Amino acid sequence: MTESPTSIDLTNLPEAITRYLTGRAAKDASAAAPAFAAHATVTDDGHTYEGSEAVTRWLGQTDTEYSYTTTITGAERNAPDRYTLHQHLEGNFPGGTVDLRCRFVLTHGLISELSIAP
């Protein structure tokens, strides 16, 4: 049986997601990377990154490729190990603004899957 999404306060996000967000906000890939499981998969902007090394490279690349600001507009718990974060980005990337859904799957307290899409 699938649970209905439940809105949650950002202070109730799992520690791994909070660590990821804190590292991203600081543009510090080395602070965000430990939030991911060794076998993690990230899908962003039509590309998929698998494993620790690829995810860490992705974190560093996205931190330096564009300048942008992020506003978190909401969060949901979709299941015990699944969360969706809604973000509004503005910056010097193509289009200049975008609303994104970041879908997280956690395994043993770490991010095992992250999918970022409009």
PDB file of N, CA and C in Angstrom:
ATOM      1  N   MET A   1       0.824  -1.172   0.000  1.00  0.00           N
ATOM      2  CA  MET A   1       0.000   0.000   0.000  1.00  0.00           C
ATOM      3  C   MET A   1       0.875   1.243   0.000  1.00  0.00           C
ATOM      4  N   THR A   2       0.605   2.208  -0.884  1.00  0.00           N
ATOM      5  CA  THR A   2       1.378   3.429  -1.001  1.00  0.00           C
ATOM      6  C   THR A   2       0.804   4.500  -0.076  1.00  0.00           C
ATOM      7  N   GLU A   3       1.669   5.183   0.645  1.00  0.00           N
ATOM      8  CA  GLU A   3       1.233   6.261   1.520  1.00  0.00           C
ATOM      9  C   GLU A   3       0.973   7.516   0.707  1.00  0.00           C
ATOM     10  N   SER A   4       0.055   8.359   1.177  1.00  0.00           N
ATOM     11  CA  SER A   4      -0.152   9.664   0.573  1.00  0.00           C
ATOM     12  C   SER A   4       0.944  10.590   1.073  1.00  0.00           C
ATOM     13  N   PRO A   5       1.418  11.500   0.218  1.00  0.00           N
ATOM     14  CA  PRO A   5       2.441  12.441   0.678  1.00  0.00           C
ATOM     15  C   PRO A   5       1.930  13.269   1.852  1.00  0.00           C
ATOM     16  N   THR A   6       2.797  13.509   2.806  1.00  0.00           N
ATOM     17  CA  THR A   6       2.478  14.311   3.978  1.00  0.00           C
ATOM     18  C   THR A   6       3.447  15.476   4.037  1.00  0.00           C
ATOM     19  N   SER A   7       2.929  16.703   4.060  1.00  0.00           N
ATOM     20  CA  SER A   7       3.799  17.863   4.210  1.00  0.00           C
ATOM     21  C   SER A   7       4.501  17.788   5.551  1.00  0.00           C
ATOM     22  N   ILE A   8       5.789  18.132   5.537  1.00  0.00           N
ATOM     23  CA  ILE A   8       6.549  18.128   6.789  1.00  0.00           C
ATOM     24  C   ILE A   8       7.337  19.425   6.907  1.00  0.00           C
ATOM     25  N   ASP A   9       7.657  19.774   8.124  1.00  0.00           N
ATOM     26  CA  ASP A   9       8.483  20.932   8.411  1.00  0.00           C
ATOM     27  C   ASP A   9       9.932  20.583   8.064  1.00  0.00           C
ATOM     28  N   LEU A  10      10.666  21.555   7.560  1.00  0.00           N
ATOM     29  CA  LEU A  10      12.062  21.302   7.165  1.00  0.00           C
ATOM     30  C   LEU A  10      12.909  20.810   8.334  1.00  0.00           C
ATOM     31  N   THR A  11      12.537  21.153   9.553  1.00  0.00           N
ATOM     32  CA  THR A  11      13.301  20.693  10.715  1.00  0.00           C
ATOM     33  C   THR A  11      13.096  19.203  10.969  1.00  0.00           C
ATOM     34  N   ASN A  12      12.119  18.595  10.285  1.00  0.00           N
ATOM     35  CA  ASN A  12      11.859  17.170  10.466  1.00  0.00           C
ATOM     36  C   ASN A  12      12.430  16.307   9.337  1.00  0.00           C
ATOM     37  N   LEU A  13      13.248  16.894   8.480  1.00  0.00           N
ATOM     38  CA  LEU A  13      13.893  16.110   7.427  1.00  0.00           C
ATOM     39  C   LEU A  13      14.946  15.190   8.038  1.00  0.00           C
ATOM     40  N   PRO A  14      15.176  14.038   7.452  1.00  0.00           N
ATOM     41  CA  PRO A  14      16.236  13.148   7.946  1.00  0.00           C
ATOM     42  C   PRO A  14      17.609  13.828   7.890  1.00  0.00           C
ATOM     43  N   GLU A  15      18.481  13.376   8.767  1.00  0.00           N
ATOM     44  CA  GLU A  15      19.819  13.979   8.892  1.00  0.00           C
ATOM     45  C   GLU A  15      20.578  13.963   7.568  1.00  0.00           C
ATOM     46  N   ALA A  16      20.491  12.912   6.781  1.00  0.00           N
ATOM     47  CA  ALA A  16      21.225  12.838   5.514  1.00  0.00           C
ATOM     48  C   ALA A  16      20.777  13.929   4.544  1.00  0.00           C
ATOM     49  N   ILE A  17      19.492  14.182   4.491  1.00  0.00           N
ATOM     50  CA  ILE A  17      18.993  15.236   3.591  1.00  0.00           C
ATOM     51  C   ILE A  17      19.436  16.600   4.100  1.00  0.00           C
ATOM     52  N   THR A  18      19.370  16.804   5.407  1.00  0.00           N
ATOM     53  CA  THR A  18      19.831  18.070   5.991  1.00  0.00           C
ATOM     54  C   THR A  18      21.318  18.283   5.720  1.00  0.00           C
ATOM     55  N   ARG A  19      22.127  17.222   5.843  1.00  0.00           N
ATOM     56  CA  ARG A  19      23.568  17.318   5.569  1.00  0.00           C
ATOM     57  C   ARG A  19      23.809  17.687   4.107  1.00  0.00           C
ATOM     58  N   TYR A  20      23.067  17.041   3.208  1.00  0.00           N
ATOM     59  CA  TYR A  20      23.166  17.359   1.777  1.00  0.00           C
ATOM     60  C   TYR A  20      22.820  18.827   1.532  1.00  0.00           C
ATOM     61  N   LEU A  21      21.703  19.295   2.084  1.00  0.00           N
ATOM     62  CA  LEU A  21      21.274  20.677   1.868  1.00  0.00           C
ATOM     63  C   LEU A  21      22.266  21.684   2.439  1.00  0.00           C
ATOM     64  N   THR A  22      22.809  21.383   3.609  1.00  0.00           N
ATOM     65  CA  THR A  22      23.786  22.277   4.236  1.00  0.00           C
ATOM     66  C   THR A  22      25.051  22.366   3.386  1.00  0.00           C
ATOM     67  N   GLY A  23      25.537  21.229   2.900  1.00  0.00           N
ATOM     68  CA  GLY A  23      26.716  21.222   2.042  1.00  0.00           C
ATOM     69  C   GLY A  23      26.472  21.955   0.737  1.00  0.00           C
ATOM     70  N   ARG A  24      25.292  21.755   0.144  1.00  0.00           N
ATOM     71  CA  ARG A  24      24.953  22.442  -1.113  1.00  0.00           C
ATOM     72  C   ARG A  24      24.882  23.947  -0.904  1.00  0.00           C
ATOM     73  N   ALA A  25      24.255  24.377   0.195  1.00  0.00           N
ATOM     74  CA  ALA A  25      24.127  25.803   0.475  1.00  0.00           C
ATOM     75  C   ALA A  25      25.499  26.458   0.644  1.00  0.00           C
ATOM     76  N   ALA A  26      26.452  25.716   1.216  1.00  0.00           N
ATOM     77  CA  ALA A  26      27.810  26.223   1.417  1.00  0.00           C
ATOM     78  C   ALA A  26      28.681  26.031   0.177  1.00  0.00           C
ATOM     79  N   LYS A  27      28.115  25.384  -0.867  1.00  0.00           N
ATOM     80  CA  LYS A  27      28.872  25.037  -2.077  1.00  0.00           C
ATOM     81  C   LYS A  27      30.123  24.232  -1.706  1.00  0.00           C
ATOM     82  N   ASP A  28      29.918  23.270  -0.796  1.00  0.00           N
ATOM     83  CA  ASP A  28      30.989  22.438  -0.265  1.00  0.00           C
ATOM     84  C   ASP A  28      30.685  20.967  -0.559  1.00  0.00           C
ATOM     85  N   ALA A  29      31.192  20.478  -1.689  1.00  0.00           N
ATOM     86  CA  ALA A  29      30.933  19.097  -2.104  1.00  0.00           C
ATOM     87  C   ALA A  29      31.409  18.105  -1.058  1.00  0.00           C
ATOM     88  N   SER A  30      32.528  18.393  -0.398  1.00  0.00           N
ATOM     89  CA  SER A  30      33.055  17.447   0.593  1.00  0.00           C
ATOM     90  C   SER A  30      32.164  17.369   1.828  1.00  0.00           C
ATOM     91  N   ALA A  31      31.378  18.402   2.103  1.00  0.00           N
ATOM     92  CA  ALA A  31      30.436  18.354   3.224  1.00  0.00           C
ATOM     93  C   ALA A  31      29.151  17.631   2.832  1.00  0.00           C
ATOM     94  N   ALA A  32      28.740  17.745   1.570  1.00  0.00           N
ATOM     95  CA  ALA A  32      27.501  17.111   1.104  1.00  0.00           C
ATOM     96  C   ALA A  32      27.698  15.636   0.774  1.00  0.00           C
ATOM     97  N   ALA A  33      28.859  15.248   0.288  1.00  0.00           N
ATOM     98  CA  ALA A  33      29.101  13.880  -0.185  1.00  0.00           C
ATOM     99  C   ALA A  33      28.842  12.793   0.859  1.00  0.00           C
ATOM    100  N   PRO A  34      29.183  12.982   2.141  1.00  0.00           N
ATOM    101  CA  PRO A  34      28.942  11.914   3.120  1.00  0.00           C
ATOM    102  C   PRO A  34      27.463  11.590   3.353  1.00  0.00           C
ATOM    103  N   ALA A  35      26.565  12.408   2.835  1.00  0.00           N
ATOM    104  CA  ALA A  35      25.137  12.138   2.977  1.00  0.00           C
ATOM    105  C   ALA A  35      24.681  11.002   2.065  1.00  0.00           C
ATOM    106  N   PHE A  36      25.537  10.621   1.106  1.00  0.00           N
ATOM    107  CA  PHE A  36      25.178   9.624   0.102  1.00  0.00           C
ATOM    108  C   PHE A  36      25.764   8.250   0.429  1.00  0.00           C
ATOM    109  N   ALA A  37      24.981   7.220   0.149  1.00  0.00           N
ATOM    110  CA  ALA A  37      25.459   5.845   0.257  1.00  0.00           C
ATOM    111  C   ALA A  37      26.518   5.606  -0.824  1.00  0.00           C
ATOM    112  N   ALA A  38      27.386   4.636  -0.609  1.00  0.00           N
ATOM    113  CA  ALA A  38      28.464   4.338  -1.564  1.00  0.00           C
ATOM    114  C   ALA A  38      27.929   3.981  -2.944  1.00  0.00           C
ATOM    115  N   HIS A  39      26.766   3.385  -3.009  1.00  0.00           N
ATOM    116  CA  HIS A  39      26.175   2.938  -4.278  1.00  0.00           C
ATOM    117  C   HIS A  39      25.129   3.917  -4.817  1.00  0.00           C
ATOM    118  N   ALA A  40      25.089   5.141  -4.288  1.00  0.00           N
ATOM    119  CA  ALA A  40      24.035   6.098  -4.627  1.00  0.00           C
ATOM    120  C   ALA A  40      23.977   6.414  -6.115  1.00  0.00           C
ATOM    121  N   THR A  41      22.771   6.782  -6.544  1.00  0.00           N
ATOM    122  CA  THR A  41      22.524   7.207  -7.916  1.00  0.00           C
ATOM    123  C   THR A  41      21.851   8.570  -7.873  1.00  0.00           C
ATOM    124  N   VAL A  42      22.380   9.508  -8.653  1.00  0.00           N
ATOM    125  CA  VAL A  42      21.788  10.837  -8.781  1.00  0.00           C
ATOM    126  C   VAL A  42      21.417  11.048 -10.235  1.00  0.00           C
ATOM    127  N   THR A  43      20.194  11.506 -10.468  1.00  0.00           N
ATOM    128  CA  THR A  43      19.753  11.877 -11.809  1.00  0.00           C
ATOM    129  C   THR A  43      19.432  13.359 -11.779  1.00  0.00           C
ATOM    130  N   ASP A  44      20.124  14.127 -12.625  1.00  0.00           N
ATOM    131  CA  ASP A  44      19.964  15.581 -12.659  1.00  0.00           C
ATOM    132  C   ASP A  44      20.209  16.075 -14.075  1.00  0.00           C
ATOM    133  N   ASP A  45      19.336  16.906 -14.558  1.00  0.00           N
ATOM    134  CA  ASP A  45      19.498  17.559 -15.858  1.00  0.00           C
ATOM    135  C   ASP A  45      19.751  16.554 -16.981  1.00  0.00           C
ATOM    136  N   GLY A  46      19.050  15.418 -16.927  1.00  0.00           N
ATOM    137  CA  GLY A  46      19.156  14.414 -17.979  1.00  0.00           C
ATOM    138  C   GLY A  46      20.358  13.502 -17.889  1.00  0.00           C
ATOM    139  N   HIS A  47      21.147  13.622 -16.831  1.00  0.00           N
ATOM    140  CA  HIS A  47      22.336  12.780 -16.653  1.00  0.00           C
ATOM    141  C   HIS A  47      22.197  11.960 -15.376  1.00  0.00           C
ATOM    142  N   THR A  48      22.778  10.770 -15.381  1.00  0.00           N
ATOM    143  CA  THR A  48      22.760   9.911 -14.207  1.00  0.00           C
ATOM    144  C   THR A  48      24.188   9.681 -13.736  1.00  0.00           C
ATOM    145  N   TYR A  49      24.391   9.797 -12.432  1.00  0.00           N
ATOM    146  CA  TYR A  49      25.697   9.632 -11.803  1.00  0.00           C
ATOM    147  C   TYR A  49      25.565   8.495 -10.797  1.00  0.00           C
ATOM    148  N   GLU A  50      26.431   7.486 -10.914  1.00  0.00           N
ATOM    149  CA  GLU A  50      26.331   6.313 -10.055  1.00  0.00           C
ATOM    150  C   GLU A  50      27.621   6.098  -9.278  1.00  0.00           C
ATOM    151  N   GLY A  51      27.485   5.874  -7.988  1.00  0.00           N
ATOM    152  CA  GLY A  51      28.637   5.594  -7.129  1.00  0.00           C
ATOM    153  C   GLY A  51      29.228   6.849  -6.517  1.00  0.00           C
ATOM    154  N   SER A  52      29.996   6.652  -5.460  1.00  0.00           N
ATOM    155  CA  SER A  52      30.559   7.762  -4.677  1.00  0.00           C
ATOM    156  C   SER A  52      31.368   8.747  -5.501  1.00  0.00           C
ATOM    157  N   GLU A  53      32.270   8.241  -6.329  1.00  0.00           N
ATOM    158  CA  GLU A  53      33.127   9.142  -7.102  1.00  0.00           C
ATOM    159  C   GLU A  53      32.321   9.997  -8.063  1.00  0.00           C
ATOM    160  N   ALA A  54      31.384   9.388  -8.784  1.00  0.00           N
ATOM    161  CA  ALA A  54      30.573  10.132  -9.753  1.00  0.00           C
ATOM    162  C   ALA A  54      29.682  11.155  -9.051  1.00  0.00           C
ATOM    163  N   VAL A  55      29.106  10.776  -7.917  1.00  0.00           N
ATOM    164  CA  VAL A  55      28.249  11.706  -7.179  1.00  0.00           C
ATOM    165  C   VAL A  55      29.072  12.876  -6.647  1.00  0.00           C
ATOM    166  N   THR A  56      30.255  12.620  -6.120  1.00  0.00           N
ATOM    167  CA  THR A  56      31.113  13.691  -5.613  1.00  0.00           C
ATOM    168  C   THR A  56      31.529  14.626  -6.743  1.00  0.00           C
ATOM    169  N   ARG A  57      31.847  14.080  -7.920  1.00  0.00           N
ATOM    170  CA  ARG A  57      32.169  14.938  -9.077  1.00  0.00           C
ATOM    171  C   ARG A  57      30.971  15.793  -9.457  1.00  0.00           C
ATOM    172  N   TRP A  58      29.777  15.190  -9.467  1.00  0.00           N
ATOM    173  CA  TRP A  58      28.561  15.932  -9.789  1.00  0.00           C
ATOM    174  C   TRP A  58      28.366  17.077  -8.794  1.00  0.00           C
ATOM    175  N   LEU A  59      28.536  16.812  -7.520  1.00  0.00           N
ATOM    176  CA  LEU A  59      28.388  17.857  -6.512  1.00  0.00           C
ATOM    177  C   LEU A  59      29.340  19.019  -6.775  1.00  0.00           C
ATOM    178  N   GLY A  60      30.596  18.714  -7.065  1.00  0.00           N
ATOM    179  CA  GLY A  60      31.584  19.760  -7.333  1.00  0.00           C
ATOM    180  C   GLY A  60      31.298  20.524  -8.614  1.00  0.00           C
ATOM    181  N   GLN A  61      30.855  19.809  -9.629  1.00  0.00           N
ATOM    182  CA  GLN A  61      30.566  20.437 -10.923  1.00  0.00           C
ATOM    183  C   GLN A  61      29.405  21.413 -10.802  1.00  0.00           C
ATOM    184  N   THR A  62      28.330  21.007 -10.173  1.00  0.00           N
ATOM    185  CA  THR A  62      27.165  21.879 -10.090  1.00  0.00           C
ATOM    186  C   THR A  62      27.415  23.075  -9.183  1.00  0.00           C
ATOM    187  N   ASP A  63      28.363  22.951  -8.254  1.00  0.00           N
ATOM    188  CA  ASP A  63      28.697  24.075  -7.387  1.00  0.00           C
ATOM    189  C   ASP A  63      29.504  25.145  -8.107  1.00  0.00           C
ATOM    190  N   THR A  64      30.204  24.795  -9.175  1.00  0.00           N
ATOM    191  CA  THR A  64      31.067  25.758  -9.859  1.00  0.00           C
ATOM    192  C   THR A  64      30.551  26.176 -11.230  1.00  0.00           C
ATOM    193  N   GLU A  65      29.655  25.407 -11.809  1.00  0.00           N
ATOM    194  CA  GLU A  65      29.198  25.682 -13.175  1.00  0.00           C
ATOM    195  C   GLU A  65      28.338  26.940 -13.264  1.00  0.00           C
ATOM    196  N   TYR A  66      27.455  27.152 -12.287  1.00  0.00           N
ATOM    197  CA  TYR A  66      26.535  28.290 -12.316  1.00  0.00           C
ATOM    198  C   TYR A  66      26.480  28.952 -10.945  1.00  0.00           C
ATOM    199  N   SER A  67      26.069  30.224 -10.950  1.00  0.00           N
ATOM    200  CA  SER A  67      25.758  30.924  -9.710  1.00  0.00           C
ATOM    201  C   SER A  67      24.247  30.947  -9.583  1.00  0.00           C
ATOM    202  N   TYR A  68      23.737  30.610  -8.407  1.00  0.00           N
ATOM    203  CA  TYR A  68      22.293  30.571  -8.234  1.00  0.00           C
ATOM    204  C   TYR A  68      21.936  30.684  -6.757  1.00  0.00           C
ATOM    205  N   THR A  69      20.701  31.058  -6.510  1.00  0.00           N
ATOM    206  CA  THR A  69      20.152  31.044  -5.160  1.00  0.00           C
ATOM    207  C   THR A  69      19.032  30.006  -5.126  1.00  0.00           C
ATOM    208  N   THR A  70      18.869  29.399  -3.982  1.00  0.00           N
ATOM    209  CA  THR A  70      17.871  28.353  -3.800  1.00  0.00           C
ATOM    210  C   THR A  70      16.936  28.732  -2.664  1.00  0.00           C
ATOM    211  N   THR A  71      15.646  28.595  -2.923  1.00  0.00           N
ATOM    212  CA  THR A  71      14.640  28.786  -1.885  1.00  0.00           C
ATOM    213  C   THR A  71      13.843  27.489  -1.781  1.00  0.00           C
ATOM    214  N   ILE A  72      13.827  26.895  -0.605  1.00  0.00           N
ATOM    215  CA  ILE A  72      13.030  25.683  -0.402  1.00  0.00           C
ATOM    216  C   ILE A  72      11.590  26.120  -0.181  1.00  0.00           C
ATOM    217  N   THR A  73      10.694  25.592  -0.992  1.00  0.00           N
ATOM    218  CA  THR A  73       9.289  26.004  -0.930  1.00  0.00           C
ATOM    219  C   THR A  73       8.386  24.959  -0.288  1.00  0.00           C
ATOM    220  N   GLY A  74       8.917  23.792   0.022  1.00  0.00           N
ATOM    221  CA  GLY A  74       8.110  22.779   0.694  1.00  0.00           C
ATOM    222  C   GLY A  74       8.821  21.447   0.768  1.00  0.00           C
ATOM    223  N   ALA A  75       8.297  20.571   1.606  1.00  0.00           N
ATOM    224  CA  ALA A  75       8.857  19.220   1.754  1.00  0.00           C
ATOM    225  C   ALA A  75       7.727  18.264   2.082  1.00  0.00           C
ATOM    226  N   GLU A  76       7.867  17.038   1.594  1.00  0.00           N
ATOM    227  CA  GLU A  76       6.879  15.993   1.833  1.00  0.00           C
ATOM    228  C   GLU A  76       7.566  14.691   2.194  1.00  0.00           C
ATOM    229  N   ARG A  77       6.901  13.937   3.030  1.00  0.00           N
ATOM    230  CA  ARG A  77       7.312  12.559   3.307  1.00  0.00           C
ATOM    231  C   ARG A  77       6.357  11.675   2.516  1.00  0.00           C
ATOM    232  N   ASN A  78       6.898  10.921   1.566  1.00  0.00           N
ATOM    233  CA  ASN A  78       6.079  10.087   0.697  1.00  0.00           C
ATOM    234  C   ASN A  78       5.957   8.658   1.200  1.00  0.00           C
ATOM    235  N   ALA A  79       6.893   8.211   1.994  1.00  0.00           N
ATOM    236  CA  ALA A  79       6.946   6.874   2.581  1.00  0.00           C
ATOM    237  C   ALA A  79       8.041   6.945   3.653  1.00  0.00           C
ATOM    238  N   PRO A  80       8.189   5.906   4.477  1.00  0.00           N
ATOM    239  CA  PRO A  80       9.197   5.974   5.538  1.00  0.00           C
ATOM    240  C   PRO A  80      10.608   6.304   5.035  1.00  0.00           C
ATOM    241  N   ASP A  81      10.936   5.924   3.808  1.00  0.00           N
ATOM    242  CA  ASP A  81      12.287   6.146   3.293  1.00  0.00           C
ATOM    243  C   ASP A  81      12.311   7.050   2.057  1.00  0.00           C
ATOM    244  N   ARG A  82      11.220   7.769   1.804  1.00  0.00           N
ATOM    245  CA  ARG A  82      11.110   8.596   0.596  1.00  0.00           C
ATOM    246  C   ARG A  82      10.597   9.992   0.936  1.00  0.00           C
ATOM    247  N   TYR A  83      11.315  10.988   0.411  1.00  0.00           N
ATOM    248  CA  TYR A  83      10.986  12.385   0.670  1.00  0.00           C
ATOM    249  C   TYR A  83      11.081  13.171  -0.632  1.00  0.00           C
ATOM    250  N   THR A  84      10.254  14.213  -0.739  1.00  0.00           N
ATOM    251  CA  THR A  84      10.326  15.126  -1.869  1.00  0.00           C
ATOM    252  C   THR A  84      10.510  16.533  -1.326  1.00  0.00           C
ATOM    253  N   LEU A  85      11.479  17.228  -1.885  1.00  0.00           N
ATOM    254  CA  LEU A  85      11.769  18.601  -1.511  1.00  0.00           C
ATOM    255  C   LEU A  85      11.470  19.472  -2.722  1.00  0.00           C
ATOM    256  N   HIS A  86      10.772  20.569  -2.515  1.00  0.00           N
ATOM    257  CA  HIS A  86      10.447  21.503  -3.597  1.00  0.00           C
ATOM    258  C   HIS A  86      11.345  22.728  -3.450  1.00  0.00           C
ATOM    259  N   GLN A  87      12.014  23.094  -4.560  1.00  0.00           N
ATOM    260  CA  GLN A  87      12.954  24.216  -4.533  1.00  0.00           C
ATOM    261  C   GLN A  87      12.691  25.158  -5.702  1.00  0.00           C
ATOM    262  N   HIS A  88      12.931  26.438  -5.449  1.00  0.00           N
ATOM    263  CA  HIS A  88      12.892  27.446  -6.505  1.00  0.00           C
ATOM    264  C   HIS A  88      14.327  27.959  -6.659  1.00  0.00           C
ATOM    265  N   LEU A  89      14.867  27.872  -7.872  1.00  0.00           N
ATOM    266  CA  LEU A  89      16.225  28.341  -8.157  1.00  0.00           C
ATOM    267  C   LEU A  89      16.170  29.545  -9.080  1.00  0.00           C
ATOM    268  N   GLU A  90      17.048  30.510  -8.825  1.00  0.00           N
ATOM    269  CA  GLU A  90      17.260  31.655  -9.701  1.00  0.00           C
ATOM    270  C   GLU A  90      18.757  31.830  -9.866  1.00  0.00           C
ATOM    271  N   GLY A  91      19.193  32.045 -11.133  1.00  0.00           N
ATOM    272  CA  GLY A  91      20.624  32.213 -11.347  1.00  0.00           C
ATOM    273  C   GLY A  91      20.975  32.432 -12.798  1.00  0.00           C
ATOM    274  N   ASN A  92      22.248  32.181 -13.119  1.00  0.00           N
ATOM    275  CA  ASN A  92      22.765  32.440 -14.463  1.00  0.00           C
ATOM    276  C   ASN A  92      22.793  31.186 -15.332  1.00  0.00           C
ATOM    277  N   PHE A  93      21.951  30.225 -15.026  1.00  0.00           N
ATOM    278  CA  PHE A  93      21.825  29.025 -15.842  1.00  0.00           C
ATOM    279  C   PHE A  93      20.797  29.289 -16.947  1.00  0.00           C
ATOM    280  N   PRO A  94      20.766  28.471 -17.991  1.00  0.00           N
ATOM    281  CA  PRO A  94      19.793  28.687 -19.067  1.00  0.00           C
ATOM    282  C   PRO A  94      18.360  28.767 -18.528  1.00  0.00           C
ATOM    283  N   GLY A  95      17.660  29.814 -18.880  1.00  0.00           N
ATOM    284  CA  GLY A  95      16.295  30.030 -18.411  1.00  0.00           C
ATOM    285  C   GLY A  95      16.209  30.937 -17.198  1.00  0.00           C
ATOM    286  N   GLY A  96      17.238  30.937 -16.358  1.00  0.00           N
ATOM    287  CA  GLY A  96      17.328  31.852 -15.225  1.00  0.00           C
ATOM    288  C   GLY A  96      16.524  31.494 -13.983  1.00  0.00           C
ATOM    289  N   THR A  97      15.390  30.823 -14.131  1.00  0.00           N
ATOM    290  CA  THR A  97      14.609  30.381 -12.976  1.00  0.00           C
ATOM    291  C   THR A  97      14.028  28.999 -13.260  1.00  0.00           C
ATOM    292  N   VAL A  98      13.848  28.229 -12.212  1.00  0.00           N
ATOM    293  CA  VAL A  98      13.234  26.905 -12.352  1.00  0.00           C
ATOM    294  C   VAL A  98      12.724  26.455 -10.989  1.00  0.00           C
ATOM    295  N   ASP A  99      11.600  25.763 -11.011  1.00  0.00           N
ATOM    296  CA  ASP A  99      11.084  25.103  -9.818  1.00  0.00           C
ATOM    297  C   ASP A  99      11.393  23.623  -9.954  1.00  0.00           C
ATOM    298  N   LEU A 100      12.033  23.060  -8.940  1.00  0.00           N
ATOM    299  CA  LEU A 100      12.491  21.676  -8.995  1.00  0.00           C
ATOM    300  C   LEU A 100      11.854  20.829  -7.905  1.00  0.00           C
ATOM    301  N   ARG A 101      11.731  19.548  -8.202  1.00  0.00           N
ATOM    302  CA  ARG A 101      11.369  18.529  -7.210  1.00  0.00           C
ATOM    303  C   ARG A 101      12.598  17.647  -7.032  1.00  0.00           C
ATOM    304  N   CYS A 102      13.056  17.561  -5.822  1.00  0.00           N
ATOM    305  CA  CYS A 102      14.176  16.683  -5.480  1.00  0.00           C
ATOM    306  C   CYS A 102      13.593  15.492  -4.735  1.00  0.00           C
ATOM    307  N   ARG A 103      13.654  14.329  -5.348  1.00  0.00           N
ATOM    308  CA  ARG A 103      13.086  13.124  -4.757  1.00  0.00           C
ATOM    309  C   ARG A 103      14.214  12.271  -4.188  1.00  0.00           C
ATOM    310  N   PHE A 104      14.135  12.042  -2.887  1.00  0.00           N
ATOM    311  CA  PHE A 104      15.162  11.299  -2.168  1.00  0.00           C
ATOM    312  C   PHE A 104      14.646   9.924  -1.771  1.00  0.00           C
ATOM    313  N   VAL A 105      15.506   8.912  -1.907  1.00  0.00           N
ATOM    314  CA  VAL A 105      15.269   7.594  -1.334  1.00  0.00           C
ATOM    315  C   VAL A 105      16.423   7.344  -0.378  1.00  0.00           C
ATOM    316  N   LEU A 106      16.095   6.934   0.844  1.00  0.00           N
ATOM    317  CA  LEU A 106      17.119   6.668   1.854  1.00  0.00           C
ATOM    318  C   LEU A 106      17.254   5.176   2.084  1.00  0.00           C
ATOM    319  N   THR A 107      18.493   4.744   2.280  1.00  0.00           N
ATOM    320  CA  THR A 107      18.785   3.366   2.646  1.00  0.00           C
ATOM    321  C   THR A 107      19.765   3.407   3.814  1.00  0.00           C
ATOM    322  N   HIS A 108      19.395   2.796   4.915  1.00  0.00           N
ATOM    323  CA  HIS A 108      20.230   2.786   6.126  1.00  0.00           C
ATOM    324  C   HIS A 108      20.652   4.202   6.522  1.00  0.00           C
ATOM    325  N   GLY A 109      19.740   5.160   6.381  1.00  0.00           N
ATOM    326  CA  GLY A 109      19.987   6.525   6.825  1.00  0.00           C
ATOM    327  C   GLY A 109      20.774   7.394   5.868  1.00  0.00           C
ATOM    328  N   LEU A 110      21.153   6.865   4.703  1.00  0.00           N
ATOM    329  CA  LEU A 110      21.906   7.644   3.712  1.00  0.00           C
ATOM    330  C   LEU A 110      21.093   7.762   2.426  1.00  0.00           C
ATOM    331  N   ILE A 111      21.412   8.761   1.628  1.00  0.00           N
ATOM    332  CA  ILE A 111      20.727   8.959   0.361  1.00  0.00           C
ATOM    333  C   ILE A 111      21.226   7.909  -0.615  1.00  0.00           C
ATOM    334  N   SER A 112      20.326   7.046  -1.084  1.00  0.00           N
ATOM    335  CA  SER A 112      20.705   6.038  -2.071  1.00  0.00           C
ATOM    336  C   SER A 112      20.249   6.434  -3.471  1.00  0.00           C
ATOM    337  N   GLU A 113      19.222   7.280  -3.556  1.00  0.00           N
ATOM    338  CA  GLU A 113      18.758   7.786  -4.841  1.00  0.00           C
ATOM    339  C   GLU A 113      18.331   9.227  -4.672  1.00  0.00           C
ATOM    340  N   LEU A 114      18.701  10.050  -5.640  1.00  0.00           N
ATOM    341  CA  LEU A 114      18.241  11.435  -5.700  1.00  0.00           C
ATOM    342  C   LEU A 114      17.911  11.728  -7.148  1.00  0.00           C
ATOM    343  N   SER A 115      16.686  12.168  -7.369  1.00  0.00           N
ATOM    344  CA  SER A 115      16.242  12.539  -8.697  1.00  0.00           C
ATOM    345  C   SER A 115      15.802  13.989  -8.651  1.00  0.00           C
ATOM    346  N   ILE A 116      16.401  14.831  -9.511  1.00  0.00           N
ATOM    347  CA  ILE A 116      16.100  16.249  -9.544  1.00  0.00           C
ATOM    348  C   ILE A 116      15.486  16.570 -10.900  1.00  0.00           C
ATOM    349  N   ALA A 117      14.255  17.120 -10.881  1.00  0.00           N
ATOM    350  CA  ALA A 117      13.564  17.415 -12.131  1.00  0.00           C
ATOM    351  C   ALA A 117      12.579  18.552 -11.915  1.00  0.00           C
ATOM    352  N   PRO A 118      12.266  19.274 -12.971  1.00  0.00           N
ATOM    353  CA  PRO A 118      11.226  20.330 -12.856  1.00  0.00           C
ATOM    354  C   PRO A 118       9.873  19.724 -12.536  1.00  0.00           C
TER     355      PRO A 118
END
